[in-house]
Protein backbone atom coordinates (compact mmCIF):
# COMPACT_ATOMS: atom_id res chain seq x y z
CA MET A 1 -7.29 16.24 -4.47
CA ALA A 2 -8.83 13.74 -2.92
CA LYS A 3 -8.89 11.25 -6.65
CA LYS A 4 -9.59 7.81 -5.29
CA ASN A 5 -10.16 6.10 -9.07
CA ILE A 6 -8.20 4.15 -11.74
CA TYR A 7 -8.20 8.15 -14.02
CA PHE A 8 -6.00 9.29 -11.40
CA LYS A 9 -3.63 6.88 -11.90
CA PHE A 10 -3.56 7.15 -15.83
CA GLU A 11 -3.23 11.05 -14.98
CA MET A 12 -0.02 10.74 -13.24
CA LEU A 13 1.35 7.59 -16.06
CA ILE A 14 0.66 9.70 -18.82
CA LEU A 15 2.15 12.82 -17.09
CA VAL A 16 5.54 11.29 -16.12
CA ILE A 17 5.75 9.15 -19.70
CA LEU A 18 5.24 13.23 -21.14
CA THR A 19 7.89 14.52 -18.65
CA THR A 20 10.46 12.68 -21.05
CA LYS A 21 9.23 13.91 -24.61
CA ASP A 22 5.92 14.90 -25.89
CA CYS A 23 3.99 11.97 -27.54
CA TYR A 24 1.51 10.29 -29.34
CA GLY A 25 -1.30 8.43 -28.03
CA TYR A 26 -0.28 4.91 -29.03
CA GLU A 27 3.31 6.43 -28.07
CA ILE A 28 2.11 6.56 -24.82
CA THR A 29 0.40 3.45 -24.33
CA THR A 30 3.10 1.54 -25.69
CA LYS A 31 5.54 2.90 -23.02
CA ILE A 32 3.29 2.67 -20.30
CA ARG A 33 2.60 -0.57 -21.32
CA GLU A 34 6.20 -1.44 -21.75
CA LEU A 35 7.42 -0.33 -18.25
CA SER A 36 5.08 -1.77 -16.41
CA ASP A 37 5.70 -5.30 -18.60
CA GLY A 38 2.39 -5.35 -19.58
CA ILE A 39 0.57 -5.18 -16.34
CA ILE A 40 -0.28 -1.91 -16.75
CA ASP A 41 -2.20 -1.56 -20.48
CA ILE A 42 -3.75 1.57 -20.75
CA LYS A 43 -6.58 1.28 -23.40
CA GLU A 44 -8.34 4.31 -26.22
CA GLY A 45 -11.08 4.61 -24.20
CA SER A 46 -9.40 5.42 -21.28
CA LEU A 47 -6.90 7.46 -22.91
CA TYR A 48 -8.37 9.68 -24.70
CA PRO A 49 -11.25 11.03 -22.32
CA THR A 50 -8.28 11.43 -19.51
CA LEU A 51 -5.88 13.11 -22.20
CA TYR A 52 -8.89 15.26 -23.34
CA LYS A 53 -9.79 16.19 -19.89
CA MET A 54 -5.89 17.27 -18.92
CA LEU A 55 -6.19 19.13 -22.24
CA ASP A 56 -9.56 21.04 -20.61
CA LYS A 57 -7.91 21.69 -17.55
CA GLY A 58 -4.13 23.30 -19.70
CA TYR A 59 -1.87 20.80 -18.21
CA ILE A 60 -0.98 19.60 -21.21
CA SER A 61 -1.11 21.02 -24.86
CA SER A 62 -1.66 19.03 -28.07
CA ASN A 63 0.21 19.69 -31.66
CA GLU A 64 -0.91 17.94 -34.93
CA VAL A 65 2.04 17.03 -36.83
CA ILE A 66 1.83 15.56 -40.66
CA VAL A 67 3.48 12.06 -40.87
CA ASN A 68 3.23 9.44 -43.71
CA ARG A 69 0.08 12.31 -45.04
CA LYS A 70 -1.70 11.50 -41.40
CA ILE A 71 -2.19 13.52 -38.97
CA ARG A 72 -0.93 12.40 -35.53
CA VAL A 73 -1.35 14.65 -32.44
CA TYR A 74 1.62 14.61 -30.25
CA TYR A 75 0.88 15.64 -26.65
CA HIS A 76 2.94 17.96 -24.24
CA LEU A 77 3.54 18.51 -20.72
CA GLU A 78 2.67 22.65 -19.91
CA GLU A 79 4.74 24.18 -16.84
CA SER A 80 1.00 23.81 -15.43
CA GLY A 81 0.75 20.01 -15.31
CA ILE A 82 4.13 19.89 -13.58
CA PRO A 83 2.52 20.74 -9.72
CA TYR A 84 -0.43 19.31 -10.44
CA LEU A 85 1.82 15.81 -11.17
CA GLU A 86 3.98 16.62 -7.88
CA ALA A 87 0.44 16.24 -6.58
CA MET A 88 -0.91 13.49 -7.53
CA ILE A 89 2.83 11.79 -7.15
CA GLU A 90 2.79 12.75 -3.44
CA GLU A 91 -0.76 11.74 -2.77
CA TYR A 92 0.27 8.45 -4.67
CA HIS A 93 3.15 7.95 -2.00
CA GLN A 94 0.87 8.66 0.86
CA TRP A 95 -1.67 5.81 -0.28
CA GLU A 96 1.24 3.74 -0.78
CA ASN A 97 2.48 3.96 2.36
CA LYS A 98 -0.97 2.98 4.13
CA ILE A 99 -1.54 0.50 2.37
CA GLN A 100 1.65 -0.46 3.20
CA VAL A 101 0.89 -0.46 7.19
CA ILE A 102 -2.54 -2.04 6.29
CA LEU A 103 -1.28 -5.06 4.26
CA ASN A 104 1.38 -5.54 7.77
CA ILE A 105 -0.78 -6.19 9.99
CA LYS A 106 -1.02 -9.56 9.32
CA GLY A 107 2.56 -10.25 9.97
CA GLU A 108 2.08 -8.47 13.31
CA HIS A 109 -1.23 -10.27 14.40
CA GLY A 110 -0.36 -13.62 12.97
CA ASP A 111 -3.10 -16.09 12.62
CA GLU A 112 -5.37 -15.26 14.59
């Protein structure tokens, strides 16, 4: 996979949110913002290109629903998106573990 950019993280977070239920774009960003206590704030300019990319790859699907005379697009995690999400989570944990190893060298070498 070797995705070393911010969109990799966005994809992972979006897919995790979609494991709970189908959501529309604003709902996805709101849940991520709330769950991260405001630390992670995905803007529309990043959200929709990421969603469209995952739609193109078949990891998610979309469904248009009329709500108060407006069309709202709900996104759904497809079966093909589950192994993709699992692979991203595994890669994230590998990065997290190696970053922790690097951070721990400060304590091992003191203030040299």
